[in-house]
Amino acid sequence: PCPYLSDLTPNSSPFHPHCLAADWLHLWRPFGTAGQIVTVALTSHTISEDMLDHILQVIRASWADNTKAIYRTGLLIYHIYCNLNSIPKPHRCPTSPSLLSAFL
């Protein structure tokens, strides 16, 4: 991958590795999502990495290329915003309404 622009460089993290922009939505993960437990209608379910990958493949296949490009750019800018404002990784995703409002 090409280097990031100097003002668009996220902090290094195993959760969002340096990769091609086309791979950001696939390779970047929220902090602490391995074996993620999801609560649905008062029950808890563990989503395996294979399940999560399959879900993301279906979602990616349904998005138009322009939509993916906009989402990738937004994801990069959100990470940079959080880095510049020292937002701890566990608070970035899922985000709070106040953090989302401040970012927007």
PDB file of N, CA and C in Angstrom:
ATOM      1  N   PRO A   1       0.819  -1.206   0.000  1.00  0.00           N
ATOM      2  CA  PRO A   1       0.000   0.000   0.000  1.00  0.00           C
ATOM      3  C   PRO A   1       0.853   1.257   0.000  1.00  0.00           C
ATOM      4  N   CYS A   2       0.302   2.316  -0.518  1.00  0.00           N
ATOM      5  CA  CYS A   2       0.987   3.615  -0.525  1.00  0.00           C
ATOM      6  C   CYS A   2       0.997   4.196   0.884  1.00  0.00           C
ATOM      7  N   PRO A   3       1.962   5.064   1.167  1.00  0.00           N
ATOM      8  CA  PRO A   3       1.973   5.716   2.474  1.00  0.00           C
ATOM      9  C   PRO A   3       0.753   6.625   2.622  1.00  0.00           C
ATOM     10  N   TYR A   4       0.321   6.805   3.864  1.00  0.00           N
ATOM     11  CA  TYR A   4      -0.761   7.746   4.142  1.00  0.00           C
ATOM     12  C   TYR A   4      -0.250   9.163   3.926  1.00  0.00           C
ATOM     13  N   LEU A   5      -1.155  10.085   3.641  1.00  0.00           N
ATOM     14  CA  LEU A   5      -0.793  11.497   3.619  1.00  0.00           C
ATOM     15  C   LEU A   5      -0.425  11.899   5.039  1.00  0.00           C
ATOM     16  N   SER A   6       0.460  12.875   5.185  1.00  0.00           N
ATOM     17  CA  SER A   6       0.962  13.228   6.515  1.00  0.00           C
ATOM     18  C   SER A   6      -0.150  13.647   7.470  1.00  0.00           C
ATOM     19  N   ASP A   7      -1.193  14.293   6.965  1.00  0.00           N
ATOM     20  CA  ASP A   7      -2.280  14.728   7.847  1.00  0.00           C
ATOM     21  C   ASP A   7      -3.428  13.717   7.919  1.00  0.00           C
ATOM     22  N   LEU A   8      -3.272  12.567   7.273  1.00  0.00           N
ATOM     23  CA  LEU A   8      -4.290  11.512   7.297  1.00  0.00           C
ATOM     24  C   LEU A   8      -3.665  10.171   7.669  1.00  0.00           C
ATOM     25  N   THR A   9      -2.890  10.169   8.747  1.00  0.00           N
ATOM     26  CA  THR A   9      -2.206   8.956   9.179  1.00  0.00           C
ATOM     27  C   THR A   9      -2.760   8.501  10.522  1.00  0.00           C
ATOM     28  N   PRO A  10      -3.450   7.350  10.545  1.00  0.00           N
ATOM     29  CA  PRO A  10      -3.935   6.854  11.837  1.00  0.00           C
ATOM     30  C   PRO A  10      -2.786   6.267  12.645  1.00  0.00           C
ATOM     31  N   ASN A  11      -2.958   6.215  13.963  1.00  0.00           N
ATOM     32  CA  ASN A  11      -1.961   5.562  14.809  1.00  0.00           C
ATOM     33  C   ASN A  11      -1.908   4.081  14.459  1.00  0.00           C
ATOM     34  N   SER A  12      -0.744   3.495  14.597  1.00  0.00           N
ATOM     35  CA  SER A  12      -0.573   2.074  14.309  1.00  0.00           C
ATOM     36  C   SER A  12      -1.371   1.240  15.311  1.00  0.00           C
ATOM     37  N   SER A  13      -2.023   0.199  14.806  1.00  0.00           N
ATOM     38  CA  SER A  13      -2.810  -0.667  15.670  1.00  0.00           C
ATOM     39  C   SER A  13      -3.029  -2.006  14.982  1.00  0.00           C
ATOM     40  N   PRO A  14      -3.024  -3.103  15.741  1.00  0.00           N
ATOM     41  CA  PRO A  14      -3.345  -4.396  15.128  1.00  0.00           C
ATOM     42  C   PRO A  14      -4.805  -4.466  14.688  1.00  0.00           C
ATOM     43  N   PHE A  15      -5.640  -3.558  15.184  1.00  0.00           N
ATOM     44  CA  PHE A  15      -7.055  -3.559  14.819  1.00  0.00           C
ATOM     45  C   PHE A  15      -7.331  -2.822  13.517  1.00  0.00           C
ATOM     46  N   HIS A  16      -6.438  -1.930  13.122  1.00  0.00           N
ATOM     47  CA  HIS A  16      -6.567  -1.287  11.809  1.00  0.00           C
ATOM     48  C   HIS A  16      -5.183  -1.198  11.180  1.00  0.00           C
ATOM     49  N   PRO A  17      -4.759  -2.324  10.548  1.00  0.00           N
ATOM     50  CA  PRO A  17      -3.421  -2.390   9.950  1.00  0.00           C
ATOM     51  C   PRO A  17      -3.296  -1.494   8.721  1.00  0.00           C
ATOM     52  N   HIS A  18      -2.055  -1.128   8.414  1.00  0.00           N
ATOM     53  CA  HIS A  18      -1.790  -0.375   7.190  1.00  0.00           C
ATOM     54  C   HIS A  18      -2.055  -1.311   6.016  1.00  0.00           C
ATOM     55  N   CYS A  19      -3.016  -0.956   5.180  1.00  0.00           N
ATOM     56  CA  CYS A  19      -3.397  -1.816   4.061  1.00  0.00           C
ATOM     57  C   CYS A  19      -4.001  -0.945   2.961  1.00  0.00           C
ATOM     58  N   LEU A  20      -4.310  -1.554   1.846  1.00  0.00           N
ATOM     59  CA  LEU A  20      -4.951  -0.829   0.759  1.00  0.00           C
ATOM     60  C   LEU A  20      -6.302  -0.297   1.220  1.00  0.00           C
ATOM     61  N   ALA A  21      -6.671   0.873   0.719  1.00  0.00           N
ATOM     62  CA  ALA A  21      -7.956   1.464   1.088  1.00  0.00           C
ATOM     63  C   ALA A  21      -9.107   0.511   0.798  1.00  0.00           C
ATOM     64  N   ALA A  22      -8.989  -0.261  -0.260  1.00  0.00           N
ATOM     65  CA  ALA A  22     -10.049  -1.205  -0.620  1.00  0.00           C
ATOM     66  C   ALA A  22     -10.258  -2.272   0.450  1.00  0.00           C
ATOM     67  N   ASP A  23      -9.270  -2.466   1.332  1.00  0.00           N
ATOM     68  CA  ASP A  23      -9.360  -3.504   2.358  1.00  0.00           C
ATOM     69  C   ASP A  23      -9.743  -2.983   3.741  1.00  0.00           C
ATOM     70  N   TRP A  24      -9.872  -1.669   3.906  1.00  0.00           N
ATOM     71  CA  TRP A  24     -10.152  -1.121   5.232  1.00  0.00           C
ATOM     72  C   TRP A  24     -11.414  -1.693   5.843  1.00  0.00           C
ATOM     73  N   LEU A  25     -12.503  -1.726   5.084  1.00  0.00           N
ATOM     74  CA  LEU A  25     -13.762  -2.214   5.644  1.00  0.00           C
ATOM     75  C   LEU A  25     -13.700  -3.694   5.966  1.00  0.00           C
ATOM     76  N   HIS A  26     -12.790  -4.405   5.330  1.00  0.00           N
ATOM     77  CA  HIS A  26     -12.653  -5.846   5.562  1.00  0.00           C
ATOM     78  C   HIS A  26     -11.662  -6.153   6.685  1.00  0.00           C
ATOM     79  N   LEU A  27     -10.550  -5.428   6.731  1.00  0.00           N
ATOM     80  CA  LEU A  27      -9.478  -5.768   7.668  1.00  0.00           C
ATOM     81  C   LEU A  27      -9.513  -4.991   8.978  1.00  0.00           C
ATOM     82  N   TRP A  28     -10.079  -3.797   8.971  1.00  0.00           N
ATOM     83  CA  TRP A  28     -10.109  -3.011  10.196  1.00  0.00           C
ATOM     84  C   TRP A  28     -11.221  -3.531  11.088  1.00  0.00           C
ATOM     85  N   ARG A  29     -10.915  -3.734  12.358  1.00  0.00           N
ATOM     86  CA  ARG A  29     -11.866  -4.280  13.325  1.00  0.00           C
ATOM     87  C   ARG A  29     -11.967  -3.341  14.526  1.00  0.00           C
ATOM     88  N   PRO A  30     -13.140  -3.279  15.138  1.00  0.00           N
ATOM     89  CA  PRO A  30     -13.243  -2.523  16.392  1.00  0.00           C
ATOM     90  C   PRO A  30     -12.375  -3.165  17.467  1.00  0.00           C
ATOM     91  N   PHE A  31     -11.918  -2.376  18.405  1.00  0.00           N
ATOM     92  CA  PHE A  31     -11.082  -2.844  19.509  1.00  0.00           C
ATOM     93  C   PHE A  31     -11.804  -3.952  20.276  1.00  0.00           C
ATOM     94  N   GLY A  32     -11.112  -5.072  20.515  1.00  0.00           N
ATOM     95  CA  GLY A  32     -11.634  -6.130  21.365  1.00  0.00           C
ATOM     96  C   GLY A  32     -12.797  -6.914  20.802  1.00  0.00           C
ATOM     97  N   THR A  33     -12.862  -7.113  19.475  1.00  0.00           N
ATOM     98  CA  THR A  33     -14.021  -7.790  18.901  1.00  0.00           C
ATOM     99  C   THR A  33     -13.846  -9.285  18.717  1.00  0.00           C
ATOM    100  N   ALA A  34     -12.700  -9.846  18.984  1.00  0.00           N
ATOM    101  CA  ALA A  34     -12.526 -11.296  18.816  1.00  0.00           C
ATOM    102  C   ALA A  34     -13.475 -12.027  19.755  1.00  0.00           C
ATOM    103  N   GLY A  35     -14.251 -12.965  19.207  1.00  0.00           N
ATOM    104  CA  GLY A  35     -15.214 -13.690  20.017  1.00  0.00           C
ATOM    105  C   GLY A  35     -16.277 -12.782  20.594  1.00  0.00           C
ATOM    106  N   GLN A  36     -16.658 -11.783  19.837  1.00  0.00           N
ATOM    107  CA  GLN A  36     -17.588 -10.756  20.304  1.00  0.00           C
ATOM    108  C   GLN A  36     -18.899 -11.369  20.785  1.00  0.00           C
ATOM    109  N   ILE A  37     -19.356 -10.933  21.933  1.00  0.00           N
ATOM    110  CA  ILE A  37     -20.662 -11.350  22.431  1.00  0.00           C
ATOM    111  C   ILE A  37     -21.657 -10.254  22.089  1.00  0.00           C
ATOM    112  N   VAL A  38     -22.722 -10.641  21.430  1.00  0.00           N
ATOM    113  CA  VAL A  38     -23.735  -9.691  20.995  1.00  0.00           C
ATOM    114  C   VAL A  38     -25.031 -10.015  21.716  1.00  0.00           C
ATOM    115  N   THR A  39     -25.658  -8.994  22.298  1.00  0.00           N
ATOM    116  CA  THR A  39     -26.928  -9.198  22.980  1.00  0.00           C
ATOM    117  C   THR A  39     -28.060  -8.847  22.039  1.00  0.00           C
ATOM    118  N   VAL A  40     -28.950  -9.805  21.833  1.00  0.00           N
ATOM    119  CA  VAL A  40     -30.100  -9.617  20.958  1.00  0.00           C
ATOM    120  C   VAL A  40     -31.339 -10.058  21.718  1.00  0.00           C
ATOM    121  N   ALA A  41     -32.265  -9.143  21.913  1.00  0.00           N
ATOM    122  CA  ALA A  41     -33.543  -9.455  22.565  1.00  0.00           C
ATOM    123  C   ALA A  41     -33.352 -10.240  23.868  1.00  0.00           C
ATOM    124  N   LEU A  42     -32.525  -9.702  24.743  1.00  0.00           N
ATOM    125  CA  LEU A  42     -32.296 -10.255  26.072  1.00  0.00           C
ATOM    126  C   LEU A  42     -31.567 -11.596  26.098  1.00  0.00           C
ATOM    127  N   THR A  43     -30.996 -12.027  24.987  1.00  0.00           N
ATOM    128  CA  THR A  43     -30.177 -13.236  24.974  1.00  0.00           C
ATOM    129  C   THR A  43     -28.799 -12.879  24.438  1.00  0.00           C
ATOM    130  N   SER A  44     -27.786 -13.613  24.863  1.00  0.00           N
ATOM    131  CA  SER A  44     -26.423 -13.349  24.401  1.00  0.00           C
ATOM    132  C   SER A  44     -25.983 -14.435  23.432  1.00  0.00           C
ATOM    133  N   HIS A  45     -25.302 -14.029  22.385  1.00  0.00           N
ATOM    134  CA  HIS A  45     -24.783 -14.952  21.384  1.00  0.00           C
ATOM    135  C   HIS A  45     -23.332 -14.591  21.109  1.00  0.00           C
ATOM    136  N   THR A  46     -22.491 -15.590  20.972  1.00  0.00           N
ATOM    137  CA  THR A  46     -21.109 -15.349  20.590  1.00  0.00           C
ATOM    138  C   THR A  46     -21.003 -15.512  19.083  1.00  0.00           C
ATOM    139  N   ILE A  47     -20.437 -14.509  18.429  1.00  0.00           N
ATOM    140  CA  ILE A  47     -20.248 -14.556  16.981  1.00  0.00           C
ATOM    141  C   ILE A  47     -18.800 -14.948  16.721  1.00  0.00           C
ATOM    142  N   SER A  48     -18.605 -16.054  16.035  1.00  0.00           N
ATOM    143  CA  SER A  48     -17.253 -16.516  15.723  1.00  0.00           C
ATOM    144  C   SER A  48     -16.646 -15.642  14.631  1.00  0.00           C
ATOM    145  N   GLU A  49     -15.328 -15.720  14.493  1.00  0.00           N
ATOM    146  CA  GLU A  49     -14.653 -14.968  13.430  1.00  0.00           C
ATOM    147  C   GLU A  49     -15.172 -15.392  12.058  1.00  0.00           C
ATOM    148  N   ASP A  50     -15.404 -16.699  11.863  1.00  0.00           N
ATOM    149  CA  ASP A  50     -15.932 -17.180  10.577  1.00  0.00           C
ATOM    150  C   ASP A  50     -17.309 -16.605  10.291  1.00  0.00           C
ATOM    151  N   MET A  51     -18.166 -16.577  11.314  1.00  0.00           N
ATOM    152  CA  MET A  51     -19.504 -16.001  11.147  1.00  0.00           C
ATOM    153  C   MET A  51     -19.419 -14.520  10.793  1.00  0.00           C
ATOM    154  N   LEU A  52     -18.571 -13.802  11.531  1.00  0.00           N
ATOM    155  CA  LEU A  52     -18.414 -12.377  11.290  1.00  0.00           C
ATOM    156  C   LEU A  52     -17.886 -12.129   9.884  1.00  0.00           C
ATOM    157  N   ASP A  53     -16.909 -12.919   9.451  1.00  0.00           N
ATOM    158  CA  ASP A  53     -16.381 -12.774   8.092  1.00  0.00           C
ATOM    159  C   ASP A  53     -17.468 -13.009   7.053  1.00  0.00           C
ATOM    160  N   HIS A  54     -18.306 -14.018   7.270  1.00  0.00           N
ATOM    161  CA  HIS A  54     -19.392 -14.300   6.319  1.00  0.00           C
ATOM    162  C   HIS A  54     -20.390 -13.144   6.278  1.00  0.00           C
ATOM    163  N   ILE A  55     -20.760 -12.626   7.428  1.00  0.00           N
ATOM    164  CA  ILE A  55     -21.687 -11.486   7.491  1.00  0.00           C
ATOM    165  C   ILE A  55     -21.102 -10.301   6.733  1.00  0.00           C
ATOM    166  N   LEU A  56     -19.826 -10.018   6.971  1.00  0.00           N
ATOM    167  CA  LEU A  56     -19.187  -8.877   6.309  1.00  0.00           C
ATOM    168  C   LEU A  56     -19.056  -9.095   4.807  1.00  0.00           C
ATOM    169  N   GLN A  57     -18.827 -10.331   4.357  1.00  0.00           N
ATOM    170  CA  GLN A  57     -18.775 -10.620   2.918  1.00  0.00           C
ATOM    171  C   GLN A  57     -20.114 -10.317   2.258  1.00  0.00           C
ATOM    172  N   VAL A  58     -21.200 -10.705   2.901  1.00  0.00           N
ATOM    173  CA  VAL A  58     -22.538 -10.440   2.352  1.00  0.00           C
ATOM    174  C   VAL A  58     -22.796  -8.938   2.292  1.00  0.00           C
ATOM    175  N   ILE A  59     -22.445  -8.230   3.354  1.00  0.00           N
ATOM    176  CA  ILE A  59     -22.646  -6.776   3.376  1.00  0.00           C
ATOM    177  C   ILE A  59     -21.808  -6.110   2.290  1.00  0.00           C
ATOM    178  N   ARG A  60     -20.520  -6.489   2.192  1.00  0.00           N
ATOM    179  CA  ARG A  60     -19.641  -5.867   1.185  1.00  0.00           C
ATOM    180  C   ARG A  60     -20.156  -6.107  -0.226  1.00  0.00           C
ATOM    181  N   ALA A  61     -20.683  -7.289  -0.486  1.00  0.00           N
ATOM    182  CA  ALA A  61     -21.188  -7.605  -1.827  1.00  0.00           C
ATOM    183  C   ALA A  61     -22.418  -6.774  -2.176  1.00  0.00           C
ATOM    184  N   SER A  62     -23.117  -6.285  -1.168  1.00  0.00           N
ATOM    185  CA  SER A  62     -24.342  -5.525  -1.431  1.00  0.00           C
ATOM    186  C   SER A  62     -24.089  -4.030  -1.633  1.00  0.00           C
ATOM    187  N   TRP A  63     -22.910  -3.538  -1.298  1.00  0.00           N
ATOM    188  CA  TRP A  63     -22.614  -2.112  -1.428  1.00  0.00           C
ATOM    189  C   TRP A  63     -22.083  -1.779  -2.812  1.00  0.00           C
ATOM    190  N   ALA A  64     -22.489  -0.640  -3.345  1.00  0.00           N
ATOM    191  CA  ALA A  64     -21.930  -0.131  -4.600  1.00  0.00           C
ATOM    192  C   ALA A  64     -20.502   0.345  -4.338  1.00  0.00           C
ATOM    193  N   ASP A  65     -19.675   0.368  -5.381  1.00  0.00           N
ATOM    194  CA  ASP A  65     -18.273   0.789  -5.227  1.00  0.00           C
ATOM    195  C   ASP A  65     -18.161   2.197  -4.654  1.00  0.00           C
ATOM    196  N   ASN A  66     -19.004   3.127  -5.097  1.00  0.00           N
ATOM    197  CA  ASN A  66     -18.958   4.498  -4.573  1.00  0.00           C
ATOM    198  C   ASN A  66     -19.283   4.530  -3.081  1.00  0.00           C
ATOM    199  N   THR A  67     -20.234   3.710  -2.661  1.00  0.00           N
ATOM    200  CA  THR A  67     -20.585   3.636  -1.242  1.00  0.00           C
ATOM    201  C   THR A  67     -19.396   3.132  -0.439  1.00  0.00           C
ATOM    202  N   LYS A  68     -18.728   2.097  -0.924  1.00  0.00           N
ATOM    203  CA  LYS A  68     -17.556   1.557  -0.226  1.00  0.00           C
ATOM    204  C   LYS A  68     -16.453   2.609  -0.121  1.00  0.00           C
ATOM    205  N   ALA A  69     -16.239   3.371  -1.181  1.00  0.00           N
ATOM    206  CA  ALA A  69     -15.195   4.402  -1.162  1.00  0.00           C
ATOM    207  C   ALA A  69     -15.499   5.463  -0.105  1.00  0.00           C
ATOM    208  N   ILE A  70     -16.752   5.876  -0.014  1.00  0.00           N
ATOM    209  CA  ILE A  70     -17.134   6.890   0.978  1.00  0.00           C
ATOM    210  C   ILE A  70     -16.997   6.330   2.387  1.00  0.00           C
ATOM    211  N   TYR A  71     -17.440   5.095   2.615  1.00  0.00           N
ATOM    212  CA  TYR A  71     -17.323   4.481   3.937  1.00  0.00           C
ATOM    213  C   TYR A  71     -15.865   4.329   4.351  1.00  0.00           C
ATOM    214  N   ARG A  72     -14.995   3.931   3.408  1.00  0.00           N
ATOM    215  CA  ARG A  72     -13.568   3.775   3.729  1.00  0.00           C
ATOM    216  C   ARG A  72     -12.968   5.104   4.146  1.00  0.00           C
ATOM    217  N   THR A  73     -13.275   6.146   3.402  1.00  0.00           N
ATOM    218  CA  THR A  73     -12.737   7.466   3.722  1.00  0.00           C
ATOM    219  C   THR A  73     -13.237   7.933   5.079  1.00  0.00           C
ATOM    220  N   GLY A  74     -14.518   7.742   5.328  1.00  0.00           N
ATOM    221  CA  GLY A  74     -15.086   8.133   6.620  1.00  0.00           C
ATOM    222  C   GLY A  74     -14.457   7.379   7.774  1.00  0.00           C
ATOM    223  N   LEU A  75     -14.197   6.089   7.577  1.00  0.00           N
ATOM    224  CA  LEU A  75     -13.573   5.269   8.613  1.00  0.00           C
ATOM    225  C   LEU A  75     -12.172   5.776   8.935  1.00  0.00           C
ATOM    226  N   LEU A  76     -11.395   6.105   7.912  1.00  0.00           N
ATOM    227  CA  LEU A  76     -10.051   6.641   8.122  1.00  0.00           C
ATOM    228  C   LEU A  76     -10.117   7.964   8.885  1.00  0.00           C
ATOM    229  N   ILE A  77     -10.980   8.858   8.459  1.00  0.00           N
ATOM    230  CA  ILE A  77     -11.080  10.171   9.105  1.00  0.00           C
ATOM    231  C   ILE A  77     -11.552  10.030  10.551  1.00  0.00           C
ATOM    232  N   TYR A  78     -12.485   9.105  10.799  1.00  0.00           N
ATOM    233  CA  TYR A  78     -12.958   8.869  12.171  1.00  0.00           C
ATOM    234  C   TYR A  78     -11.804   8.406  13.063  1.00  0.00           C
ATOM    235  N   HIS A  79     -10.979   7.471  12.579  1.00  0.00           N
ATOM    236  CA  HIS A  79      -9.836   7.002  13.375  1.00  0.00           C
ATOM    237  C   HIS A  79      -8.855   8.140  13.643  1.00  0.00           C
ATOM    238  N   ILE A  80      -8.606   8.961  12.662  1.00  0.00           N
ATOM    239  CA  ILE A  80      -7.690  10.089  12.853  1.00  0.00           C
ATOM    240  C   ILE A  80      -8.269  11.076  13.860  1.00  0.00           C
ATOM    241  N   TYR A  81      -9.567  11.367  13.750  1.00  0.00           N
ATOM    242  CA  TYR A  81     -10.234  12.254  14.708  1.00  0.00           C
ATOM    243  C   TYR A  81     -10.072  11.707  16.129  1.00  0.00           C
ATOM    244  N   CYS A  82     -10.333  10.414  16.298  1.00  0.00           N
ATOM    245  CA  CYS A  82     -10.208   9.802  17.626  1.00  0.00           C
ATOM    246  C   CYS A  82      -8.769   9.853  18.133  1.00  0.00           C
ATOM    247  N   ASN A  83      -7.797   9.615  17.245  1.00  0.00           N
ATOM    248  CA  ASN A  83      -6.388   9.697  17.643  1.00  0.00           C
ATOM    249  C   ASN A  83      -6.034  11.106  18.097  1.00  0.00           C
ATOM    250  N   LEU A  84      -6.422  12.103  17.312  1.00  0.00           N
ATOM    251  CA  LEU A  84      -6.086  13.493  17.634  1.00  0.00           C
ATOM    252  C   LEU A  84      -6.731  13.957  18.933  1.00  0.00           C
ATOM    253  N   ASN A  85      -7.877  13.373  19.271  1.00  0.00           N
ATOM    254  CA  ASN A  85      -8.600  13.769  20.477  1.00  0.00           C
ATOM    255  C   ASN A  85      -8.438  12.769  21.619  1.00  0.00           C
ATOM    256  N   SER A  86      -7.465  11.859  21.477  1.00  0.00           N
ATOM    257  CA  SER A  86      -7.118  10.879  22.522  1.00  0.00           C
ATOM    258  C   SER A  86      -8.328  10.088  23.021  1.00  0.00           C
ATOM    259  N   ILE A  87      -9.196   9.688  22.090  1.00  0.00           N
ATOM    260  CA  ILE A  87     -10.353   8.863  22.442  1.00  0.00           C
ATOM    261  C   ILE A  87      -9.847   7.431  22.631  1.00  0.00           C
ATOM    262  N   PRO A  88     -10.039   6.829  23.794  1.00  0.00           N
ATOM    263  CA  PRO A  88      -9.569   5.456  24.008  1.00  0.00           C
ATOM    264  C   PRO A  88     -10.240   4.480  23.036  1.00  0.00           C
ATOM    265  N   LYS A  89      -9.494   3.491  22.597  1.00  0.00           N
ATOM    266  CA  LYS A  89     -10.015   2.528  21.614  1.00  0.00           C
ATOM    267  C   LYS A  89     -11.334   1.881  22.044  1.00  0.00           C
ATOM    268  N   PRO A  90     -11.496   1.483  23.315  1.00  0.00           N
ATOM    269  CA  PRO A  90     -12.773   0.858  23.692  1.00  0.00           C
ATOM    270  C   PRO A  90     -13.980   1.796  23.557  1.00  0.00           C
ATOM    271  N   HIS A  91     -13.748   3.117  23.511  1.00  0.00           N
ATOM    272  CA  HIS A  91     -14.851   4.073  23.404  1.00  0.00           C
ATOM    273  C   HIS A  91     -15.200   4.418  21.962  1.00  0.00           C
ATOM    274  N   ARG A  92     -14.388   3.931  21.026  1.00  0.00           N
ATOM    275  CA  ARG A  92     -14.596   4.288  19.621  1.00  0.00           C
ATOM    276  C   ARG A  92     -15.687   3.466  18.955  1.00  0.00           C
ATOM    277  N   CYS A  93     -15.815   2.214  19.347  1.00  0.00           N
ATOM    278  CA  CYS A  93     -16.802   1.347  18.706  1.00  0.00           C
ATOM    279  C   CYS A  93     -17.259   0.291  19.691  1.00  0.00           C
ATOM    280  N   PRO A  94     -18.524   0.206  20.019  1.00  0.00           N
ATOM    281  CA  PRO A  94     -19.547   1.104  19.500  1.00  0.00           C
ATOM    282  C   PRO A  94     -19.362   2.500  20.080  1.00  0.00           C
ATOM    283  N   THR A  95     -19.660   3.478  19.275  1.00  0.00           N
ATOM    284  CA  THR A  95     -19.481   4.866  19.682  1.00  0.00           C
ATOM    285  C   THR A  95     -20.690   5.354  20.471  1.00  0.00           C
ATOM    286  N   SER A  96     -20.473   6.384  21.227  1.00  0.00           N
ATOM    287  CA  SER A  96     -21.578   6.994  21.975  1.00  0.00           C
ATOM    288  C   SER A  96     -22.218   8.080  21.115  1.00  0.00           C
ATOM    289  N   PRO A  97     -23.461   8.427  21.387  1.00  0.00           N
ATOM    290  CA  PRO A  97     -24.095   9.520  20.632  1.00  0.00           C
ATOM    291  C   PRO A  97     -23.310  10.830  20.734  1.00  0.00           C
ATOM    292  N   SER A  98     -22.718  11.106  21.908  1.00  0.00           N
ATOM    293  CA  SER A  98     -21.979  12.364  22.054  1.00  0.00           C
ATOM    294  C   SER A  98     -20.692  12.362  21.232  1.00  0.00           C
ATOM    295  N   LEU A  99     -19.978  11.230  21.176  1.00  0.00           N
ATOM    296  CA  LEU A  99     -18.765  11.161  20.351  1.00  0.00           C
ATOM    297  C   LEU A  99     -19.120  11.272  18.876  1.00  0.00           C
ATOM    298  N   LEU A 100     -20.167  10.595  18.462  1.00  0.00           N
ATOM    299  CA  LEU A 100     -20.589  10.680  17.066  1.00  0.00           C
ATOM    300  C   LEU A 100     -20.975  12.109  16.705  1.00  0.00           C
ATOM    301  N   SER A 101     -21.688  12.791  17.586  1.00  0.00           N
ATOM    302  CA  SER A 101     -22.074  14.187  17.331  1.00  0.00           C
ATOM    303  C   SER A 101     -20.854  15.089  17.238  1.00  0.00           C
ATOM    304  N   ALA A 102     -19.887  14.877  18.132  1.00  0.00           N
ATOM    305  CA  ALA A 102     -18.668  15.690  18.095  1.00  0.00           C
ATOM    306  C   ALA A 102     -17.894  15.449  16.811  1.00  0.00           C
ATOM    307  N   PHE A 103     -17.826  14.200  16.360  1.00  0.00           N
ATOM    308  CA  PHE A 103     -17.125  13.868  15.120  1.00  0.00           C
ATOM    309  C   PHE A 103     -17.811  14.504  13.920  1.00  0.00           C
ATOM    310  N   LEU A 104     -19.113  14.409  13.871  1.00  0.00           N
ATOM    311  CA  LEU A 104     -19.843  14.966  12.724  1.00  0.00           C
ATOM    312  C   LEU A 104     -19.779  16.466  12.713  1.00  0.00           C
TER     313      LEU A 104
END
